[in-house]
Amino acid sequence: MEANEWIVFFLSVFVFANVLLLGLLFFTIKSANKKANRYIGLFLWSIALQIFNYLLGEIVEESGYFLLIFDPLLFALPLLFFYLYTTINKRIEKWHYLLFVPGIVHNVLLHLEGVLLTEEGITVFGVFFYCMEFLLMIYAFRILQKHKKKIVNFYSDVEYKSLAWLESIFILVVLIHLFSFTDSIVDVFTFEYLNHLLDWTFFGLLMFMIFWVSYNGFSQPEIFKQQLFLATENRTMVELTNWKEVPVNTSEKKRKKSDENKATIEQQEPIISEHDQKQFEAIKIQILQQELFTNPKLNLRSLAIKLGVKEKELSRLINECGNVNFYRFINEYRIEKFKQLVQSPEAPKFTLLGLATEAGFYSKSTFYAAFKKLEGMTPKQYEKSLKKS
C-alpha cells in the first residue's frame, strides 16, 4: 500500500474502535431517550461493520477479491427511521420491518458467489437498492415536516424537539452510500486520479456523521413522552410559519386572488362564541398575573393543569380565539416580559440572555429566533434602539 493508503487504513482502525465504543454507550448509558438509543447504537455498529469490511478488503486486495462477511450498508436508513419513530413516540408497525428486506436481499445476492466476491459484483444490482433509499429518505422527511408542524401546538420551546439534525443525517447517509457506489465504479474503470479524492471525501463525511449523531443522540429527549391528544382532531391547528401577515398585493390580479383567498378562509374559520372569548380572556389574565410563561419548560399539558382546563380545550381556545399556535402564544408573553426587564433600572447588571432567561426563555437560539420573528429585529438591535431614543 502507498503512504496515503496506510494513513487511511490506520485512521479507519482508530474510527472503527471508537464507533464500537460509542455504539455500546448508546446501549448502556442512561438517557431521556433510552428506548430509541438502541437504534442509534445499531446504526453506529453498522458503520463499524462497514469499516471492518473495508479493512478486510485492504488485507486481501492483491488477490482481486475482497472478504465480505456481512454488508450493513442498506440497514443504516431503516435503523434511523426506527429511531425517528421511537423518538416521536409513534408505534412501529409490523410493515415497517419490511424496510430491512432490501438489505437482506442485497446480502443474499452478494453471497451467491460465496464469501469471496469480485468487486464488480456490487454494481450490478446496487443501483436499484440505492434508489429505494432515496424513497425512504423522502418518506422520513415528510414525517419530520409533519412533526415540526405538530410540536408548535404543544411546546413553548422546540429547539431540542424539532429533530432537524436528523434531516442532515439522512442526507449524509445517502451521500456516503452514493460515494461508496461511485468508488466501486471508479475502481471498475480504474480512474486512479479520483480514488484518493473519493476516499478522503468519504472518510470526511463519515467522521462528521459519527460526530453529529453522537453529539445530538446523547442529548435528544423523547418527544411526546406522555401521549398528547391527536393534532388531526383539531382542524384549527396553526403552523409555526404563520407568524407574519400576508403582504398586500399591488396588482389588481393578485389583489383579486387575495380577496378570494380571504373569503375562503373566512368561510372555513369557526364562529367564536362570546363564552369562548370570555374564557380565553380570563385565561390570558391568569397567565399574565401568575407569570406562568416564565417557566422555561412550560408546555400545553402543564399549562392546562395550572389553569384547570382540559388540554384539548385549551389548545382549541388558543388556536381559534388567539389565531396562533401555542409556541407563539407563550413566547409573545416572554418577549413582552423581556422588553419590560430590559428597560428596568436593574437591566445593566444582566446580559441580554440573562434577562431572556428571567422572562422564561430556555435557550439563546429560541430567544433570538422568537424575538426576531415578532419584533423584526434582533434583541441587540432593540437594545440599541432604546438607547438612541
Protein backbone atom coordinates (compact mmCIF):
# COMPACT_ATOMS: atom_id res chain seq x y z
CA MET A 1 0.00 0.00 0.00
CA GLU A 2 1.06 3.58 -0.63
CA ALA A 3 1.63 6.11 2.16
CA ASN A 4 -1.80 7.69 1.64
CA GLU A 5 -3.47 4.28 1.83
CA TRP A 6 -1.61 3.45 5.06
CA ILE A 7 -2.84 6.70 6.64
CA VAL A 8 -6.44 5.92 5.68
CA PHE A 9 -6.01 2.36 6.93
CA PHE A 10 -4.78 3.33 10.41
CA LEU A 11 -7.35 6.14 10.70
CA SER A 12 -10.02 3.58 9.83
CA VAL A 13 -8.79 1.31 12.62
CA PHE A 14 -8.99 4.23 15.06
CA VAL A 15 -12.50 5.20 13.92
CA PHE A 16 -13.63 1.56 14.00
CA ALA A 17 -12.63 1.20 17.67
CA ASN A 18 -14.32 4.48 18.67
CA VAL A 19 -17.54 3.77 16.79
CA LEU A 20 -17.79 0.38 18.51
CA LEU A 21 -17.42 2.13 21.88
CA LEU A 22 -19.96 4.85 21.03
CA GLY A 23 -22.47 2.24 19.92
CA LEU A 24 -22.02 0.42 23.23
CA LEU A 25 -22.55 3.68 25.15
CA PHE A 26 -25.88 4.24 23.42
CA PHE A 27 -26.99 0.83 24.66
CA THR A 28 -25.82 1.29 28.25
CA ILE A 29 -25.85 4.98 29.19
CA LYS A 30 -28.87 6.47 30.97
CA SER A 31 -30.71 8.88 28.71
CA ALA A 32 -34.04 10.68 28.32
CA ASN A 33 -34.46 8.74 25.08
CA LYS A 34 -33.03 5.37 26.08
CA LYS A 35 -35.63 3.32 24.20
CA ALA A 36 -34.73 4.90 20.85
CA ASN A 37 -30.99 5.00 21.52
CA ARG A 38 -30.64 1.29 20.84
CA TYR A 39 -31.35 2.05 17.17
CA ILE A 40 -28.61 4.71 17.16
CA GLY A 41 -26.31 2.14 18.74
CA LEU A 42 -27.13 -0.38 16.00
CA PHE A 43 -26.70 2.36 13.40
CA LEU A 44 -23.19 3.13 14.67
CA TRP A 45 -22.33 -0.56 14.76
CA SER A 46 -23.46 -0.84 11.14
CA ILE A 47 -20.90 1.86 10.33
CA ALA A 48 -18.28 -0.05 12.34
CA LEU A 49 -19.05 -3.21 10.36
CA GLN A 50 -18.74 -1.28 7.11
CA ILE A 51 -15.30 -0.03 8.18
CA PHE A 52 -14.39 -3.58 9.19
CA ASN A 53 -15.32 -4.76 5.68
CA TYR A 54 -13.03 -2.08 4.25
CA LEU A 55 -10.15 -3.21 6.47
CA LEU A 56 -10.62 -6.84 5.39
CA GLY A 57 -10.75 -5.70 1.77
CA GLU A 58 -7.42 -3.92 2.14
CA ILE A 59 -5.81 -7.05 3.61
CA VAL A 60 -6.73 -9.28 0.62
CA GLU A 61 -6.63 -6.53 -2.01
CA GLU A 62 -3.86 -8.11 -4.07
CA SER A 63 -5.99 -11.17 -4.88
CA GLY A 64 -8.58 -9.13 -6.79
CA TYR A 65 -11.26 -10.27 -4.36
CA PHE A 66 -12.48 -8.86 -1.10
CA LEU A 67 -13.61 -10.69 2.01
CA LEU A 68 -17.19 -9.86 3.00
CA ILE A 69 -18.95 -11.39 5.96
CA PHE A 70 -21.99 -9.09 6.03
CA ASP A 71 -22.78 -5.80 4.27
CA PRO A 72 -24.79 -3.48 6.58
CA LEU A 73 -24.99 -0.61 4.09
CA LEU A 74 -28.74 -0.82 3.40
CA PHE A 75 -29.66 -1.24 7.07
CA ALA A 76 -28.48 2.25 8.08
CA LEU A 77 -31.51 4.26 6.91
CA PRO A 78 -34.12 1.82 8.29
CA LEU A 79 -32.37 1.98 11.69
CA LEU A 80 -32.50 5.79 11.57
CA PHE A 81 -36.16 5.58 10.58
CA PHE A 82 -36.90 3.37 13.61
CA TYR A 83 -35.01 5.86 15.79
CA LEU A 84 -37.16 8.69 14.42
CA TYR A 85 -40.40 6.81 15.06
CA THR A 86 -39.44 5.83 18.60
CA THR A 87 -38.23 9.34 19.48
CA ILE A 88 -41.52 10.95 18.47
CA ASN A 89 -43.30 8.18 20.40
CA LYS A 90 -45.03 6.64 17.39
CA ARG A 91 -45.73 2.93 17.33
CA ILE A 92 -43.60 0.87 14.97
CA GLU A 93 -45.94 -1.17 12.79
CA LYS A 94 -45.23 -4.68 11.52
CA TRP A 95 -44.89 -3.49 7.92
CA HIS A 96 -42.05 -1.18 8.93
CA TYR A 97 -39.82 -4.23 9.33
CA LEU A 98 -40.13 -4.72 5.57
CA LEU A 99 -37.68 -1.80 5.28
CA PHE A 100 -34.93 -4.27 6.16
CA VAL A 101 -35.82 -6.58 3.26
CA PRO A 102 -33.66 -4.73 0.67
CA GLY A 103 -30.63 -5.13 2.97
CA ILE A 104 -31.33 -8.83 3.44
CA VAL A 105 -31.82 -9.42 -0.30
CA HIS A 106 -28.70 -7.35 -1.00
CA ASN A 107 -26.62 -9.65 1.22
CA VAL A 108 -28.16 -12.81 -0.21
CA LEU A 109 -27.34 -11.70 -3.75
CA LEU A 110 -23.82 -10.75 -2.74
CA HIS A 111 -23.19 -14.19 -1.23
CA LEU A 112 -24.44 -16.18 -4.18
CA GLU A 113 -20.81 -16.32 -5.30
CA GLY A 114 -19.56 -17.24 -1.84
CA VAL A 115 -17.69 -15.31 0.83
CA LEU A 116 -15.01 -14.11 -1.61
CA LEU A 117 -16.63 -11.71 -4.08
CA THR A 118 -15.41 -9.74 -7.07
CA GLU A 119 -15.67 -6.01 -6.55
CA GLU A 120 -17.54 -5.59 -9.84
CA GLY A 121 -20.40 -7.72 -8.47
CA ILE A 122 -21.73 -4.95 -6.25
CA THR A 123 -22.52 -2.55 -9.07
CA VAL A 124 -24.83 -4.94 -10.97
CA PHE A 125 -27.83 -4.63 -8.67
CA GLY A 126 -26.67 -1.81 -6.36
CA VAL A 127 -28.42 0.98 -8.29
CA PHE A 128 -31.89 -0.40 -7.58
CA PHE A 129 -31.34 -0.59 -3.82
CA TYR A 130 -29.81 2.89 -3.63
CA CYS A 131 -32.85 4.31 -5.43
CA MET A 132 -35.03 2.72 -2.76
CA GLU A 133 -33.02 4.56 -0.13
CA PHE A 134 -33.93 7.89 -1.70
CA LEU A 135 -37.61 6.98 -1.43
CA LEU A 136 -37.17 6.08 2.24
CA MET A 137 -35.38 9.38 2.88
CA ILE A 138 -38.24 11.33 1.25
CA TYR A 139 -40.75 9.43 3.41
CA ALA A 140 -38.74 10.22 6.56
CA PHE A 141 -38.58 13.90 5.58
CA ARG A 142 -42.37 14.00 5.28
CA ILE A 143 -42.69 12.58 8.79
CA LEU A 144 -40.24 15.17 10.11
CA GLN A 145 -42.15 18.02 8.45
CA LYS A 146 -45.44 16.85 9.97
CA HIS A 147 -43.72 16.54 13.33
CA LYS A 148 -42.41 20.13 13.16
CA LYS A 149 -45.90 21.44 12.41
CA LYS A 150 -47.35 19.47 15.30
CA ILE A 151 -44.96 20.30 18.14
CA VAL A 152 -45.56 24.07 17.97
CA ASN A 153 -49.07 23.42 19.28
CA PHE A 154 -47.77 21.66 22.38
CA TYR A 155 -44.42 23.22 23.35
CA SER A 156 -43.12 26.71 24.01
CA ASP A 157 -39.55 25.64 23.23
CA VAL A 158 -38.94 23.48 20.15
CA GLU A 159 -35.15 23.66 19.89
CA TYR A 160 -34.50 20.07 21.02
CA LYS A 161 -37.79 18.72 19.74
CA SER A 162 -37.81 19.57 16.03
CA LEU A 163 -35.29 16.77 15.20
CA ALA A 164 -33.81 19.00 12.48
CA TRP A 165 -30.43 17.31 13.00
CA LEU A 166 -31.89 14.03 11.77
CA GLU A 167 -32.55 15.57 8.35
CA SER A 168 -28.84 16.20 7.86
CA ILE A 169 -28.04 12.64 9.00
CA PHE A 170 -30.44 11.12 6.47
CA ILE A 171 -28.84 13.21 3.72
CA LEU A 172 -25.33 12.27 4.86
CA VAL A 173 -26.16 8.55 4.86
CA VAL A 174 -27.42 8.76 1.27
CA LEU A 175 -24.36 10.82 0.24
CA ILE A 176 -21.98 8.31 1.85
CA HIS A 177 -23.72 5.45 0.09
CA LEU A 178 -23.53 7.37 -3.18
CA PHE A 179 -19.80 7.89 -2.67
CA SER A 180 -19.40 4.21 -1.87
CA PHE A 181 -21.21 3.28 -5.06
CA THR A 182 -19.20 5.82 -7.09
CA ASP A 183 -15.99 4.46 -5.60
CA SER A 184 -16.83 0.96 -6.87
CA ILE A 185 -17.42 2.38 -10.37
CA VAL A 186 -14.11 4.26 -10.23
CA ASP A 187 -12.39 1.02 -9.23
CA VAL A 188 -14.00 -0.81 -12.14
CA PHE A 189 -12.82 1.74 -14.67
CA THR A 190 -9.53 2.33 -12.84
CA PHE A 191 -9.83 6.10 -12.60
CA GLU A 192 -6.91 6.21 -10.21
CA TYR A 193 -6.73 10.01 -10.05
CA LEU A 194 -10.20 10.05 -8.45
CA ASN A 195 -9.58 7.29 -5.92
CA HIS A 196 -7.75 9.43 -3.37
CA LEU A 197 -10.30 12.25 -3.62
CA LEU A 198 -13.22 9.85 -3.14
CA ASP A 199 -11.53 8.07 -0.25
CA TRP A 200 -10.87 11.27 1.69
CA THR A 201 -14.29 12.73 0.92
CA PHE A 202 -15.93 9.52 2.06
CA PHE A 203 -13.81 9.47 5.21
CA GLY A 204 -14.57 13.14 5.98
CA LEU A 205 -18.33 12.67 5.60
CA LEU A 206 -18.20 9.55 7.75
CA MET A 207 -16.30 11.30 10.56
CA PHE A 208 -18.70 14.25 10.55
CA MET A 209 -21.75 11.98 10.59
CA ILE A 210 -20.40 9.94 13.52
CA PHE A 211 -19.70 13.12 15.48
CA TRP A 212 -23.08 14.68 14.65
CA VAL A 213 -25.05 11.54 15.52
CA SER A 214 -23.20 11.10 18.82
CA TYR A 215 -23.47 14.76 19.83
CA ASN A 216 -27.19 15.04 19.15
CA GLY A 217 -28.14 11.49 20.07
CA PHE A 218 -26.90 11.73 23.66
CA SER A 219 -28.82 14.97 24.28
CA GLN A 220 -32.02 14.12 22.37
CA PRO A 221 -35.06 13.64 24.64
CA GLU A 222 -38.04 11.54 23.71
CA ILE A 223 -40.81 13.66 22.18
CA PHE A 224 -44.40 13.31 23.39
CA LYS A 225 -43.35 11.04 26.25
CA GLN A 226 -46.89 11.34 27.54
CA GLN A 227 -49.35 10.79 24.72
CA LEU A 228 -50.90 14.13 23.83
CA PHE A 229 -54.23 14.38 22.08
CA LEU A 230 -54.12 13.86 18.34
CA ALA A 231 -53.37 17.01 16.37
CA THR A 232 -55.51 15.77 13.49
CA GLU A 233 -58.60 16.05 15.66
CA ASN A 234 -58.14 19.79 15.93
CA ARG A 235 -58.68 21.29 12.49
CA THR A 236 -57.68 24.79 13.57
CA MET A 237 -54.06 23.94 14.47
CA VAL A 238 -51.83 26.84 13.45
CA GLU A 239 -48.43 26.21 11.88
CA LEU A 240 -45.20 27.81 13.08
CA THR A 241 -44.71 29.58 9.74
CA ASN A 242 -47.86 31.61 10.26
CA TRP A 243 -46.10 34.43 12.11
CA LYS A 244 -46.42 37.30 9.71
CA GLU A 245 -49.40 38.69 7.90
CA VAL A 246 -49.60 38.05 4.17
CA PRO A 247 -48.22 41.15 2.33
CA VAL A 248 -50.72 43.21 0.37
CA ASN A 249 -50.58 42.56 -3.38
CA THR A 250 -50.21 45.63 -5.56
CA SER A 251 -51.54 44.35 -8.87
CA GLU A 252 -55.27 44.06 -9.46
CA LYS A 253 -54.97 40.40 -10.38
CA LYS A 254 -53.12 39.49 -7.19
CA ARG A 255 -55.49 41.63 -5.08
CA LYS A 256 -58.47 39.81 -6.53
CA LYS A 257 -56.88 36.47 -5.80
CA SER A 258 -56.05 37.59 -2.25
CA ASP A 259 -59.65 38.65 -1.67
CA GLU A 260 -60.86 35.28 -2.88
CA ASN A 261 -58.45 33.53 -0.51
CA LYS A 262 -59.59 35.70 2.41
CA ALA A 263 -63.21 34.91 1.63
CA THR A 264 -62.40 31.20 1.60
CA ILE A 265 -60.54 31.46 4.92
CA GLU A 266 -63.43 33.39 6.49
CA GLN A 267 -65.81 30.64 5.42
CA GLN A 268 -63.57 27.99 6.97
CA GLU A 269 -62.88 29.84 10.24
CA PRO A 270 -65.04 28.64 13.13
CA ILE A 271 -67.52 31.02 14.73
CA ILE A 272 -66.13 32.13 18.09
CA SER A 273 -68.81 32.29 20.74
CA GLU A 274 -68.96 35.01 23.39
CA HIS A 275 -68.40 32.35 26.06
CA ASP A 276 -65.20 31.13 24.38
CA GLN A 277 -63.90 34.68 24.04
CA LYS A 278 -64.55 35.44 27.72
CA GLN A 279 -62.91 32.18 28.76
CA PHE A 280 -59.88 32.95 26.60
CA GLU A 281 -59.54 36.45 28.07
CA ALA A 282 -59.76 35.00 31.59
CA ILE A 283 -57.01 32.52 30.70
CA LYS A 284 -54.75 35.30 29.40
CA ILE A 285 -55.28 37.34 32.57
CA GLN A 286 -54.42 34.34 34.76
CA ILE A 287 -51.26 33.60 32.74
CA LEU A 288 -50.18 37.24 32.97
CA GLN A 289 -50.94 37.70 36.67
CA GLN A 290 -49.19 34.50 37.74
CA GLU A 291 -46.47 34.87 35.09
CA LEU A 292 -46.86 31.21 34.17
CA PHE A 293 -44.91 31.84 30.96
CA THR A 294 -41.68 32.30 32.93
CA ASN A 295 -41.46 28.51 33.38
CA PRO A 296 -38.93 27.57 30.65
CA LYS A 297 -40.29 24.02 30.39
CA LEU A 298 -43.91 25.10 30.05
CA ASN A 299 -45.95 23.02 27.62
CA LEU A 300 -49.62 22.67 26.75
CA ARG A 301 -50.22 19.92 29.31
CA SER A 302 -48.54 21.66 32.25
CA LEU A 303 -50.32 24.95 31.46
CA ALA A 304 -53.69 23.19 31.20
CA ILE A 305 -53.13 21.63 34.64
CA LYS A 306 -52.19 25.03 36.13
CA LEU A 307 -55.29 26.66 34.62
CA GLY A 308 -57.63 23.80 35.43
CA VAL A 309 -58.64 23.47 31.77
CA LYS A 310 -58.74 20.40 29.58
CA GLU A 311 -55.69 20.16 27.37
CA LYS A 312 -57.63 19.84 24.14
CA GLU A 313 -59.94 22.71 25.10
CA LEU A 314 -57.00 25.00 25.89
CA SER A 315 -55.42 24.27 22.53
CA ARG A 316 -58.71 24.99 20.77
CA LEU A 317 -59.12 28.34 22.53
CA ILE A 318 -55.54 29.41 21.72
CA ASN A 319 -55.87 28.39 18.07
CA GLU A 320 -59.35 29.79 17.47
CA CYS A 321 -59.56 32.83 19.73
CA GLY A 322 -55.89 33.78 19.58
CA ASN A 323 -55.36 32.61 15.98
CA VAL A 324 -51.84 31.47 16.93
CA ASN A 325 -50.13 28.25 17.92
CA PHE A 326 -49.05 27.50 21.49
CA TYR A 327 -45.40 28.26 20.70
CA ARG A 328 -46.13 31.83 19.64
CA PHE A 329 -48.82 32.36 22.27
CA ILE A 330 -46.40 31.78 25.16
CA ASN A 331 -43.36 33.41 23.57
CA GLU A 332 -45.29 36.64 22.99
CA TYR A 333 -45.67 36.93 26.77
CA ARG A 334 -41.98 36.18 27.25
CA ILE A 335 -40.90 38.83 24.76
CA GLU A 336 -43.11 41.44 26.40
CA LYS A 337 -41.63 40.49 29.76
CA PHE A 338 -38.11 40.76 28.31
CA LYS A 339 -38.91 44.24 26.93
CA GLN A 340 -40.02 45.30 30.40
CA LEU A 341 -36.90 43.87 32.02
CA VAL A 342 -34.50 45.45 29.53
CA GLN A 343 -35.94 48.89 30.39
CA SER A 344 -35.81 48.34 34.14
CA PRO A 345 -33.15 50.04 36.34
CA GLU A 346 -31.62 46.63 37.13
CA ALA A 347 -31.10 45.75 33.45
CA PRO A 348 -27.44 46.92 33.20
CA LYS A 349 -26.47 44.28 35.78
CA PHE A 350 -27.55 41.44 33.47
CA THR A 351 -26.76 40.24 29.98
CA LEU A 352 -29.49 40.05 27.35
CA LEU A 353 -29.52 36.28 27.70
CA GLY A 354 -29.84 36.62 31.47
CA LEU A 355 -32.89 38.84 31.03
CA ALA A 356 -34.32 36.43 28.48
CA THR A 357 -33.92 33.57 30.97
CA GLU A 358 -35.79 35.62 33.57
CA ALA A 359 -38.57 36.06 31.02
CA GLY A 360 -38.84 32.29 30.56
CA PHE A 361 -36.72 31.50 27.51
CA TYR A 362 -34.89 28.18 27.75
CA SER A 363 -32.10 28.84 25.26
CA LYS A 364 -30.39 31.64 23.36
CA SER A 365 -31.35 30.31 19.93
CA THR A 366 -35.06 30.07 20.81
CA PHE A 367 -34.99 33.57 22.27
CA TYR A 368 -33.28 35.17 19.27
CA ALA A 369 -35.45 33.34 16.75
CA ALA A 370 -38.71 34.23 18.52
CA PHE A 371 -37.70 37.86 19.12
CA LYS A 372 -36.69 38.48 15.51
CA LYS A 373 -39.89 36.89 14.22
CA LEU A 374 -42.11 39.08 16.36
CA GLU A 375 -40.13 42.32 16.52
CA GLY A 376 -38.41 42.28 13.13
CA MET A 377 -35.01 42.92 14.73
CA THR A 378 -32.52 41.17 16.97
CA PRO A 379 -32.54 41.74 20.76
CA LYS A 380 -29.24 43.62 20.42
CA GLN A 381 -30.73 45.95 17.81
CA TYR A 382 -33.74 46.51 20.07
CA GLU A 383 -31.45 47.42 22.97
CA LYS A 384 -29.57 49.90 20.78
CA SER A 385 -32.84 51.48 19.60
CA LEU A 386 -33.82 52.05 23.23
CA LYS A 387 -30.51 53.79 23.94
CA LYS A 388 -30.92 56.05 20.94
CA SER A 389 -34.43 57.05 21.97
